[in-house]
Amino acid sequence: MSNTRIERDSMGELQVPAEALYGAQTQRAVNNFPVSQQRMPIQFIRALLLAKAAAAKANVELEQMQAGQGEAIVKAVEQLLSGDFIQHFPVDIFQTGSGTSSNMNANEVIATLASRIFGDNINPNDHVNCGQSSNDIIPTTIHVSAALALHEQLLPALRHLVQVIERKAVEVHPFIKTGRTHLMDAMPVRMSQVLGGWAAQVRAAVAHIESTLPALQALAQGGTAVGTGVNAHPEFAVRFSQQLSTLTQIPFTPGQNLFALIGSQDTAVAVSGQLKTTAVALMKIANDLRWMNSGPLAGLGEIELEGLQPGSSIMPGKVNPVIPEATAMVAAQVIGNDATIAVAGQSGNFELNVMLPIIAQNLLSSIELMANVSRLLADKAIASFKVNEPKLKEALARNPILVTALNPIIGYQKAAEIAKTAYKQGRPIIDVALEHTDLSRSQLEVLLDPEKLTAGGI
């Protein structure tokens, strides 16, 4: 057939698309795993290519291959990274649990290009995979890709979200609203206090994620098949980490125990746990925005989110809180991704975890989704919402829970009676308190002043 060629591996001959850069082992994986039509994430393949370049540089330094061979491998990686490289990596996420198919996919593609550059044969196993096993390069790539995605995408996005929330808090500081616990009226709070709570949540999420980076930047590379380092130069792990650090500008180091890093995925599970915590924080913020924006007539109507698109195909004029809704869905997906990673993480059978591809996919998906939606939440919801001050003042004036400030003077029981009367009669609490206490209106105005109550004083 003119559109195919014959390739050979240790299992025999196989037809491969004529123009494909990959070889027989990649084609076998394509044939064996028609599962989801989802390829490994682009961030993962990028990190795998960088790891192959770092390995080639380290092996040249250690005289494990000719300088020309190593240079050709590095140039092949650079050529791939400068173009639409993902087209050369067709292997399904749901493949062999070690990720061997993706490793060999990279080895074959790089070998094809490097052979053209070198002018002689560069072997996928003997040269591109020199000093490596799928069993250490794939766990390494999970760490590297996640570290890059956190440094380049999620952490900057979360810091931006904090900055936007804090700027908005300054803007809305003059506004006081009815606080709510159990979704029921509670003591008043400043809008700035509400947003300050959100900012603190996101700052804590950043700190929690940052706390996982040292472990994430410790690599399994050098352990090869089972952690013993067979077929790798004794200095390979150190040299590899040094070269990769130079390529990425992130300080990677060899792991202290390579058996643990190959046999388990505890670090990925821990990172995912912090991503889930972040997702929970984002969902809380998104739902607060949705409640505060609800209405505008039959809901709370405390704020008005920026109108971004028509909200209904049948109800004219309806505008919905689409960005908070998208944020909540992302949070739900991240929580689900974490559950998958937790199940996959326990699949470290003896010397190898065998659910590595799905860990990589879900970890990187969580990072990318939250990075993208955090910026949307910041720029298209929080930065641009408007405060409905008349609605805030109306609710405050009719809030019987303000009577809490009178507890030290008239006692809890008396205050409860006044609150219930105010609720029943639909009257301002100050009017009811004036009738049922010996306090003057001027005294009550001071005691029930919402602005003073937000400072914790009475």
Protein backbone atom coordinates (compact mmCIF):
# COMPACT_ATOMS: atom_id res chain seq x y z
CA MET A 1 0.00 0.00 0.00
CA SER A 2 1.43 3.35 -1.04
CA ASN A 3 0.18 5.17 2.06
CA THR A 4 1.92 2.82 4.51
CA ARG A 5 5.39 1.48 5.19
CA ILE A 6 6.66 -1.61 7.00
CA GLU A 7 8.29 -1.12 10.41
CA ARG A 8 9.81 -3.79 12.64
CA ASP A 9 10.16 -4.25 16.39
CA SER A 10 10.87 -7.20 18.69
CA MET A 11 7.43 -8.66 17.94
CA GLY A 12 7.74 -8.55 14.15
CA GLU A 13 6.58 -6.42 11.24
CA LEU A 14 3.77 -3.89 11.20
CA GLN A 15 2.28 -1.43 8.74
CA VAL A 16 2.67 2.23 9.76
CA PRO A 17 1.37 5.33 7.96
CA ALA A 18 4.00 6.29 5.39
CA GLU A 19 4.47 9.84 6.65
CA ALA A 20 4.41 9.03 10.36
CA LEU A 21 7.50 9.90 12.38
CA TYR A 22 6.71 7.11 14.87
CA GLY A 23 7.38 3.41 14.38
CA ALA A 24 6.04 -0.05 15.15
CA GLN A 25 5.60 0.21 18.91
CA THR A 26 3.54 3.38 18.65
CA GLN A 27 1.41 1.80 15.94
CA ARG A 28 0.79 -1.26 18.09
CA ALA A 29 -0.44 1.02 20.87
CA VAL A 30 -2.73 2.86 18.45
CA ASN A 31 -4.14 -0.48 17.31
CA ASN A 32 -4.45 -1.90 20.83
CA PHE A 33 -6.08 1.04 22.61
CA PRO A 34 -8.96 2.54 20.59
CA VAL A 35 -10.58 3.57 23.88
CA SER A 36 -11.29 7.28 24.26
CA GLN A 37 -9.83 9.11 21.26
CA GLN A 38 -8.09 11.31 23.86
CA ARG A 39 -4.35 11.76 23.54
CA MET A 40 -1.98 12.38 26.40
CA PRO A 41 -2.05 16.07 27.43
CA ILE A 42 0.12 18.44 25.46
CA GLN A 43 1.81 19.59 28.70
CA PHE A 44 2.79 15.99 29.41
CA ILE A 45 4.27 15.42 25.94
CA ARG A 46 6.15 18.72 26.16
CA ALA A 47 7.67 17.67 29.49
CA LEU A 48 8.53 14.23 28.10
CA LEU A 49 10.36 15.81 25.18
CA LEU A 50 12.27 18.12 27.51
CA ALA A 51 13.20 15.11 29.62
CA LYS A 52 14.56 13.32 26.53
CA ALA A 53 16.70 16.34 25.69
CA ALA A 54 18.01 16.52 29.26
CA ALA A 55 18.79 12.79 29.19
CA ALA A 56 20.72 13.15 25.93
CA LYS A 57 22.76 16.03 27.31
CA ALA A 58 23.52 14.08 30.50
CA ASN A 59 24.53 10.97 28.58
CA VAL A 60 26.92 12.94 26.38
CA GLU A 61 28.50 14.45 29.51
CA LEU A 62 28.87 10.97 30.97
CA GLU A 63 30.23 9.57 27.66
CA GLN A 64 27.34 7.15 27.29
CA MET A 65 26.78 8.26 23.69
CA GLN A 66 28.60 10.22 21.00
CA ALA A 67 28.34 13.99 21.15
CA GLY A 68 26.84 14.08 17.66
CA GLN A 69 24.15 11.61 18.62
CA GLY A 70 23.21 13.62 21.69
CA GLU A 71 23.19 16.88 19.76
CA ALA A 72 20.93 15.34 17.12
CA ILE A 73 18.47 14.19 19.80
CA VAL A 74 18.43 17.67 21.36
CA LYS A 75 17.89 19.31 17.97
CA ALA A 76 15.08 16.88 17.19
CA VAL A 77 13.37 17.85 20.47
CA GLU A 78 13.81 21.54 19.71
CA GLN A 79 12.33 21.01 16.24
CA LEU A 80 9.31 19.24 17.71
CA LEU A 81 8.71 21.85 20.41
CA SER A 82 8.83 24.66 17.86
CA GLY A 83 5.96 23.19 15.83
CA ASP A 84 2.67 21.32 16.10
CA PHE A 85 4.27 18.34 17.80
CA ILE A 86 1.13 16.80 19.32
CA GLN A 87 0.11 15.36 15.93
CA HIS A 88 2.97 12.88 16.25
CA PHE A 89 1.70 11.49 19.55
CA PRO A 90 -1.53 9.57 18.84
CA VAL A 91 -1.50 7.11 21.74
CA ASP A 92 -4.70 6.98 23.81
CA ILE A 93 -4.68 7.98 27.49
CA PHE A 94 -6.10 4.57 28.36
CA GLN A 95 -3.06 2.49 27.47
CA THR A 96 -0.54 0.39 29.33
CA GLY A 97 -0.48 1.56 32.94
CA SER A 98 3.25 2.31 32.94
CA GLY A 99 2.92 4.70 30.02
CA THR A 100 5.43 2.63 28.05
CA SER A 101 3.52 3.27 24.84
CA SER A 102 3.88 7.03 25.24
CA ASN A 103 7.55 6.68 26.15
CA MET A 104 8.24 4.61 23.04
CA ASN A 105 6.14 6.99 20.96
CA ALA A 106 8.50 9.80 22.00
CA ASN A 107 11.57 7.63 21.51
CA GLU A 108 10.51 6.66 17.98
CA VAL A 109 9.55 10.16 16.88
CA ILE A 110 12.74 11.70 18.22
CA ALA A 111 14.84 8.89 16.75
CA THR A 112 13.37 9.45 13.27
CA LEU A 113 14.12 13.17 13.32
CA ALA A 114 17.51 12.76 15.02
CA SER A 115 18.59 10.17 12.43
CA ARG A 116 17.86 12.66 9.67
CA ILE A 117 19.85 15.33 11.49
CA PHE A 118 22.76 13.02 12.40
CA GLY A 119 22.93 11.35 9.00
CA ASP A 120 23.08 7.89 10.58
CA ASN A 121 20.81 5.66 12.61
CA ILE A 122 19.68 6.92 16.02
CA ASN A 123 17.98 4.03 17.80
CA PRO A 124 14.83 4.68 19.86
CA ASN A 125 15.90 2.30 22.65
CA ASP A 126 19.69 2.39 22.60
CA HIS A 127 20.09 6.12 22.14
CA VAL A 128 16.96 8.16 22.86
CA ASN A 129 16.06 5.90 25.81
CA CYS A 130 19.66 5.55 27.02
CA GLY A 131 19.88 5.32 30.83
CA GLN A 132 16.09 5.30 31.13
CA SER A 133 13.10 3.04 31.55
CA SER A 134 9.47 3.88 30.99
CA ASN A 135 9.18 3.07 34.69
CA ASP A 136 11.22 6.11 35.73
CA ILE A 137 10.78 8.50 32.80
CA ILE A 138 6.96 8.49 32.99
CA PRO A 139 6.78 9.18 36.77
CA THR A 140 9.44 11.83 36.18
CA THR A 141 7.39 13.38 33.39
CA ILE A 142 4.29 13.48 35.60
CA HIS A 143 6.26 15.51 38.16
CA VAL A 144 7.89 17.75 35.58
CA SER A 145 4.70 18.48 33.63
CA ALA A 146 2.74 19.23 36.79
CA ALA A 147 5.50 21.46 38.16
CA LEU A 148 5.68 23.39 34.89
CA ALA A 149 1.90 23.76 34.75
CA LEU A 150 1.74 24.99 38.33
CA HIS A 151 4.58 27.49 37.89
CA GLU A 152 3.44 28.73 34.49
CA GLN A 153 -0.36 28.50 34.70
CA LEU A 154 -2.17 27.92 37.97
CA LEU A 155 -0.09 29.79 40.55
CA PRO A 156 0.06 32.99 38.45
CA ALA A 157 -3.70 32.73 37.82
CA LEU A 158 -4.49 32.30 41.52
CA ARG A 159 -2.21 35.20 42.48
CA HIS A 160 -4.02 37.32 39.89
CA LEU A 161 -7.34 36.29 41.43
CA VAL A 162 -6.12 37.37 44.88
CA GLN A 163 -5.01 40.75 43.54
CA VAL A 164 -8.35 41.37 41.82
CA ILE A 165 -10.32 40.38 44.93
CA GLU A 166 -8.20 42.63 47.13
CA ARG A 167 -8.60 45.60 44.76
CA LYS A 168 -12.35 45.04 44.68
CA ALA A 169 -12.44 44.82 48.48
CA VAL A 170 -11.02 48.34 48.69
CA GLU A 171 -13.62 49.55 46.21
CA VAL A 172 -16.59 48.06 48.08
CA HIS A 173 -15.37 48.81 51.61
CA PRO A 174 -18.01 51.52 52.26
CA PHE A 175 -20.88 49.09 51.68
CA ILE A 176 -22.42 47.13 54.56
CA LYS A 177 -24.69 44.15 54.00
CA THR A 178 -26.70 41.68 56.02
CA GLY A 179 -24.54 38.75 57.00
CA ARG A 180 -26.01 35.28 56.61
CA THR A 181 -25.47 32.03 58.43
CA HIS A 182 -27.45 28.93 57.41
CA LEU A 183 -28.62 31.23 54.57
CA MET A 184 -30.59 33.11 57.23
CA ASP A 185 -30.22 36.75 58.36
CA ALA A 186 -27.29 37.32 60.69
CA MET A 187 -25.21 40.23 61.94
CA PRO A 188 -24.03 42.83 59.39
CA VAL A 189 -20.69 42.62 57.59
CA ARG A 190 -18.80 44.95 55.30
CA MET A 191 -18.55 43.89 51.69
CA SER A 192 -14.80 44.28 52.07
CA GLN A 193 -14.84 41.72 54.89
CA VAL A 194 -16.64 39.23 52.66
CA LEU A 195 -14.11 39.70 49.88
CA GLY A 196 -11.25 39.63 52.36
CA GLY A 197 -12.39 36.16 53.35
CA TRP A 198 -12.33 35.08 49.72
CA ALA A 199 -8.84 36.49 49.21
CA ALA A 200 -7.59 34.69 52.31
CA GLN A 201 -9.00 31.40 51.00
CA VAL A 202 -7.19 31.77 47.68
CA ARG A 203 -3.95 32.89 49.35
CA ALA A 204 -4.10 29.79 51.56
CA ALA A 205 -4.67 27.64 48.47
CA VAL A 206 -1.56 29.14 46.87
CA ALA A 207 0.48 28.42 49.99
CA HIS A 208 -0.79 24.84 50.15
CA ILE A 209 0.08 24.21 46.51
CA GLU A 210 3.51 25.81 46.94
CA SER A 211 4.18 23.49 49.88
CA THR A 212 4.01 20.49 47.51
CA LEU A 213 6.54 21.88 45.01
CA PRO A 214 9.72 20.55 46.67
CA ALA A 215 8.36 16.99 46.56
CA LEU A 216 7.01 17.50 43.03
CA GLN A 217 10.41 18.73 41.83
CA ALA A 218 12.15 15.61 43.20
CA LEU A 219 12.37 13.11 40.35
CA ALA A 220 12.35 9.34 39.87
CA GLN A 221 14.84 9.55 37.02
CA GLY A 222 17.81 7.26 37.52
CA GLY A 223 15.84 4.40 39.04
CA THR A 224 15.24 2.78 35.62
CA ALA A 225 13.20 -0.44 35.74
CA VAL A 226 12.54 -1.06 39.45
CA GLY A 227 14.48 1.62 41.32
CA THR A 228 17.93 -0.01 41.37
CA GLY A 229 19.27 2.09 38.50
CA VAL A 230 20.26 -0.82 36.28
CA ASN A 231 21.75 0.31 32.92
CA ALA A 232 22.03 3.93 34.04
CA HIS A 233 25.33 5.64 34.83
CA PRO A 234 25.73 6.19 38.60
CA GLU A 235 25.80 9.96 38.03
CA PHE A 236 22.96 10.00 35.53
CA ALA A 237 20.23 11.09 37.99
CA VAL A 238 22.21 14.11 39.15
CA ARG A 239 23.32 15.16 35.68
CA PHE A 240 19.81 14.68 34.30
CA SER A 241 18.27 16.91 36.97
CA GLN A 242 20.90 19.57 36.37
CA GLN A 243 20.26 19.59 32.62
CA LEU A 244 16.48 19.63 33.06
CA SER A 245 16.74 22.50 35.53
CA THR A 246 18.67 24.48 32.95
CA LEU A 247 16.12 23.73 30.23
CA THR A 248 13.08 24.64 32.33
CA GLN A 249 14.45 27.21 34.80
CA ILE A 250 12.86 25.17 37.60
CA PRO A 251 15.14 23.52 40.20
CA PHE A 252 14.66 19.76 39.83
CA THR A 253 16.58 17.28 41.98
CA PRO A 254 16.96 13.48 42.13
CA GLY A 255 14.52 11.89 44.55
CA GLN A 256 15.91 10.63 47.84
CA ASN A 257 14.32 7.21 47.37
CA LEU A 258 13.73 6.15 43.79
CA PHE A 259 11.86 3.00 44.82
CA ALA A 260 9.15 5.15 46.41
CA LEU A 261 8.92 7.47 43.40
CA ILE A 262 8.53 4.57 40.96
CA GLY A 263 6.38 2.29 43.11
CA SER A 264 3.98 5.02 44.28
CA GLN A 265 2.40 8.24 43.18
CA ASP A 266 1.94 9.74 46.64
CA THR A 267 3.21 13.16 45.56
CA ALA A 268 0.71 13.35 42.71
CA VAL A 269 -2.04 12.35 45.14
CA ALA A 270 -0.92 15.07 47.55
CA VAL A 271 -0.80 17.73 44.83
CA SER A 272 -4.24 16.68 43.64
CA GLY A 273 -5.51 16.98 47.19
CA GLN A 274 -4.39 20.60 47.29
CA LEU A 275 -6.00 21.20 43.91
CA LYS A 276 -9.23 19.81 45.32
CA THR A 277 -8.94 22.17 48.29
CA THR A 278 -8.50 25.04 45.85
CA ALA A 279 -11.53 23.87 43.88
CA VAL A 280 -13.63 23.85 47.04
CA ALA A 281 -12.57 27.45 47.74
CA LEU A 282 -13.43 28.54 44.20
CA MET A 283 -16.82 26.86 44.41
CA LYS A 284 -17.58 28.70 47.68
CA ILE A 285 -16.69 32.04 46.09
CA ALA A 286 -18.67 31.25 42.94
CA ASN A 287 -21.76 30.28 44.92
CA ASP A 288 -21.52 33.40 47.11
CA LEU A 289 -21.50 35.48 43.94
CA ARG A 290 -24.49 33.59 42.57
CA TRP A 291 -26.52 34.09 45.75
CA MET A 292 -25.61 37.78 46.08
CA ASN A 293 -26.51 38.32 42.41
CA SER A 294 -29.77 36.34 42.62
CA GLY A 295 -32.93 38.08 41.50
CA PRO A 296 -32.73 40.84 40.58
CA LEU A 297 -36.25 41.26 41.98
CA ALA A 298 -37.15 37.99 43.68
CA GLY A 299 -33.67 37.18 45.03
CA LEU A 300 -31.10 38.91 47.20
CA GLY A 301 -30.09 41.36 44.49
CA GLU A 302 -27.16 42.69 46.51
CA ILE A 303 -24.83 42.89 43.52
CA GLU A 304 -25.17 42.91 39.76
CA LEU A 305 -22.68 40.76 37.87
CA GLU A 306 -21.52 41.92 34.46
CA GLY A 307 -23.99 40.84 31.78
CA LEU A 308 -22.06 38.69 29.34
CA GLN A 309 -24.69 36.94 27.23
CA PRO A 310 -28.46 36.39 26.95
CA GLY A 311 -29.55 33.96 29.61
CA SER A 312 -32.49 32.27 28.03
CA SER A 313 -33.68 31.10 24.64
CA ILE A 314 -37.29 31.76 25.62
CA MET A 315 -37.29 34.43 28.37
CA PRO A 316 -36.26 37.81 26.89
CA GLY A 317 -34.03 40.01 29.01
CA LYS A 318 -32.83 37.23 31.29
CA VAL A 319 -29.12 37.38 32.19
CA ASN A 320 -27.48 34.58 34.17
CA PRO A 321 -24.30 34.36 36.32
CA VAL A 322 -22.44 32.32 33.73
CA ILE A 323 -18.89 32.77 35.00
CA PRO A 324 -19.65 31.61 38.56
CA GLU A 325 -21.57 28.69 37.06
CA ALA A 326 -18.59 27.72 34.91
CA THR A 327 -16.36 28.03 37.97
CA ALA A 328 -18.60 25.72 39.97
CA MET A 329 -18.54 23.13 37.18
CA VAL A 330 -14.75 23.29 37.00
CA ALA A 331 -14.60 22.78 40.75
CA ALA A 332 -16.86 19.74 40.48
CA GLN A 333 -14.66 18.29 37.74
CA VAL A 334 -11.49 18.84 39.78
CA ILE A 335 -13.06 17.10 42.77
CA GLY A 336 -13.90 14.17 40.48
CA ASN A 337 -10.38 14.18 39.03
CA ASP A 338 -9.01 13.96 42.55
CA ALA A 339 -11.12 10.89 43.30
CA THR A 340 -9.72 9.20 40.18
CA ILE A 341 -6.15 10.12 41.15
CA ALA A 342 -6.68 8.74 44.65
CA VAL A 343 -7.87 5.41 43.24
CA ALA A 344 -5.02 5.38 40.72
CA GLY A 345 -2.49 6.27 43.39
CA GLN A 346 -3.21 3.11 45.38
CA SER A 347 -2.37 1.02 42.29
CA GLY A 348 1.32 0.94 43.10
CA ASN A 349 1.78 -2.81 42.90
CA PHE A 350 5.20 -3.78 44.27
CA GLU A 351 7.79 -1.80 42.24
CA LEU A 352 5.56 0.14 39.85
CA ASN A 353 2.36 2.14 39.79
CA VAL A 354 0.29 0.99 36.80
CA MET A 355 -2.17 3.84 36.39
CA LEU A 356 0.33 6.53 35.45
CA PRO A 357 -1.35 7.88 32.27
CA ILE A 358 -4.67 8.62 33.97
CA ILE A 359 -2.86 10.29 36.88
CA ALA A 360 -1.05 12.52 34.40
CA GLN A 361 -4.23 13.32 32.49
CA ASN A 362 -6.34 14.19 35.53
CA LEU A 363 -3.63 16.13 37.35
CA LEU A 364 -2.86 18.31 34.34
CA SER A 365 -6.56 18.70 33.52
CA SER A 366 -7.26 19.99 37.03
CA ILE A 367 -4.39 22.48 36.84
CA GLU A 368 -5.39 23.81 33.41
CA LEU A 369 -9.10 24.07 34.17
CA MET A 370 -8.57 26.00 37.38
CA ALA A 371 -5.93 28.26 35.87
CA ASN A 372 -8.28 29.25 33.07
CA VAL A 373 -11.42 29.68 35.16
CA SER A 374 -9.61 31.59 37.94
CA ARG A 375 -8.74 34.36 35.50
CA LEU A 376 -12.31 34.42 34.18
CA LEU A 377 -13.69 34.60 37.71
CA ALA A 378 -11.33 37.46 38.50
CA ASP A 379 -11.77 39.53 35.36
CA LYS A 380 -15.36 38.85 34.28
CA ALA A 381 -17.14 38.47 37.62
CA ILE A 382 -15.34 39.95 40.62
CA ALA A 383 -13.62 42.93 39.01
CA SER A 384 -16.77 44.12 37.28
CA PHE A 385 -19.71 43.51 39.60
CA LYS A 386 -21.73 46.49 40.86
CA VAL A 387 -23.14 46.88 44.36
CA ASN A 388 -26.88 47.52 44.79
CA GLU A 389 -26.65 49.85 47.80
CA PRO A 390 -30.42 50.55 48.14
CA LYS A 391 -31.07 46.81 48.41
CA LEU A 392 -28.36 46.45 51.07
CA LYS A 393 -29.76 49.30 53.15
CA GLU A 394 -33.34 48.04 52.86
CA ALA A 395 -32.38 44.60 54.16
CA LEU A 396 -30.25 46.05 56.97
CA ALA A 397 -33.02 48.34 58.19
CA ARG A 398 -35.41 45.41 58.50
CA ASN A 399 -32.91 42.93 59.97
CA PRO A 400 -34.16 41.93 63.47
CA ILE A 401 -30.88 40.10 64.17
CA LEU A 402 -29.33 43.50 64.88
CA VAL A 403 -30.97 43.11 68.28
CA THR A 404 -28.02 40.86 69.15
CA ALA A 405 -26.18 44.06 70.03
CA LEU A 406 -28.66 44.63 72.89
CA ASN A 407 -27.97 41.27 74.57
CA PRO A 408 -25.54 42.70 77.17
CA ILE A 409 -28.09 45.37 78.15
CA ILE A 410 -31.51 43.70 78.06
CA GLY A 411 -30.55 39.99 78.00
CA TYR A 412 -30.90 37.26 75.38
CA GLN A 413 -34.51 36.35 76.23
CA LYS A 414 -35.84 39.90 75.97
CA ALA A 415 -33.86 40.48 72.78
CA ALA A 416 -35.34 37.30 71.26
CA GLU A 417 -38.87 38.52 72.01
CA ILE A 418 -38.16 41.84 70.32
CA ALA A 419 -36.68 40.09 67.27
CA LYS A 420 -39.69 37.79 66.90
CA THR A 421 -42.07 40.72 67.17
CA ALA A 422 -40.14 42.62 64.52
CA TYR A 423 -40.24 39.59 62.22
CA LYS A 424 -43.95 39.06 62.80
CA GLN A 425 -44.91 42.68 62.27
CA GLY A 426 -42.40 43.35 59.48
CA ARG A 427 -41.14 46.44 61.25
CA PRO A 428 -37.62 47.88 61.73
CA ILE A 429 -35.96 46.50 64.84
CA ILE A 430 -35.24 49.98 66.23
CA ASP A 431 -38.97 50.82 66.33
CA VAL A 432 -39.88 47.62 68.16
CA ALA A 433 -36.96 47.94 70.58
CA LEU A 434 -38.03 51.51 71.36
CA GLU A 435 -41.44 50.21 72.46
CA HIS A 436 -40.15 47.29 74.54
CA THR A 437 -37.12 48.79 76.31
CA ASP A 438 -36.25 51.85 78.33
CA LEU A 439 -33.60 52.86 75.79
CA SER A 440 -34.01 56.12 73.88
CA ARG A 441 -33.97 56.27 70.09
CA SER A 442 -30.61 58.02 70.16
CA GLN A 443 -29.20 55.24 72.35
CA LEU A 444 -30.67 52.58 70.06
CA GLU A 445 -29.29 54.30 66.98
CA VAL A 446 -25.81 54.07 68.45
CA LEU A 447 -26.21 50.49 69.68
CA LEU A 448 -27.78 49.21 66.45
CA ASP A 449 -25.51 51.10 64.06
CA PRO A 450 -24.55 48.47 61.41
CA GLU A 451 -21.21 50.14 60.69
CA LYS A 452 -20.20 49.90 64.34
CA LEU A 453 -21.37 46.31 64.53
CA THR A 454 -19.09 45.26 61.66
CA ALA A 455 -16.14 46.27 63.82
CA GLY A 456 -17.20 43.90 66.57
CA GLY A 457 -18.07 46.64 69.09
CA ILE A 458 -21.37 47.49 70.80
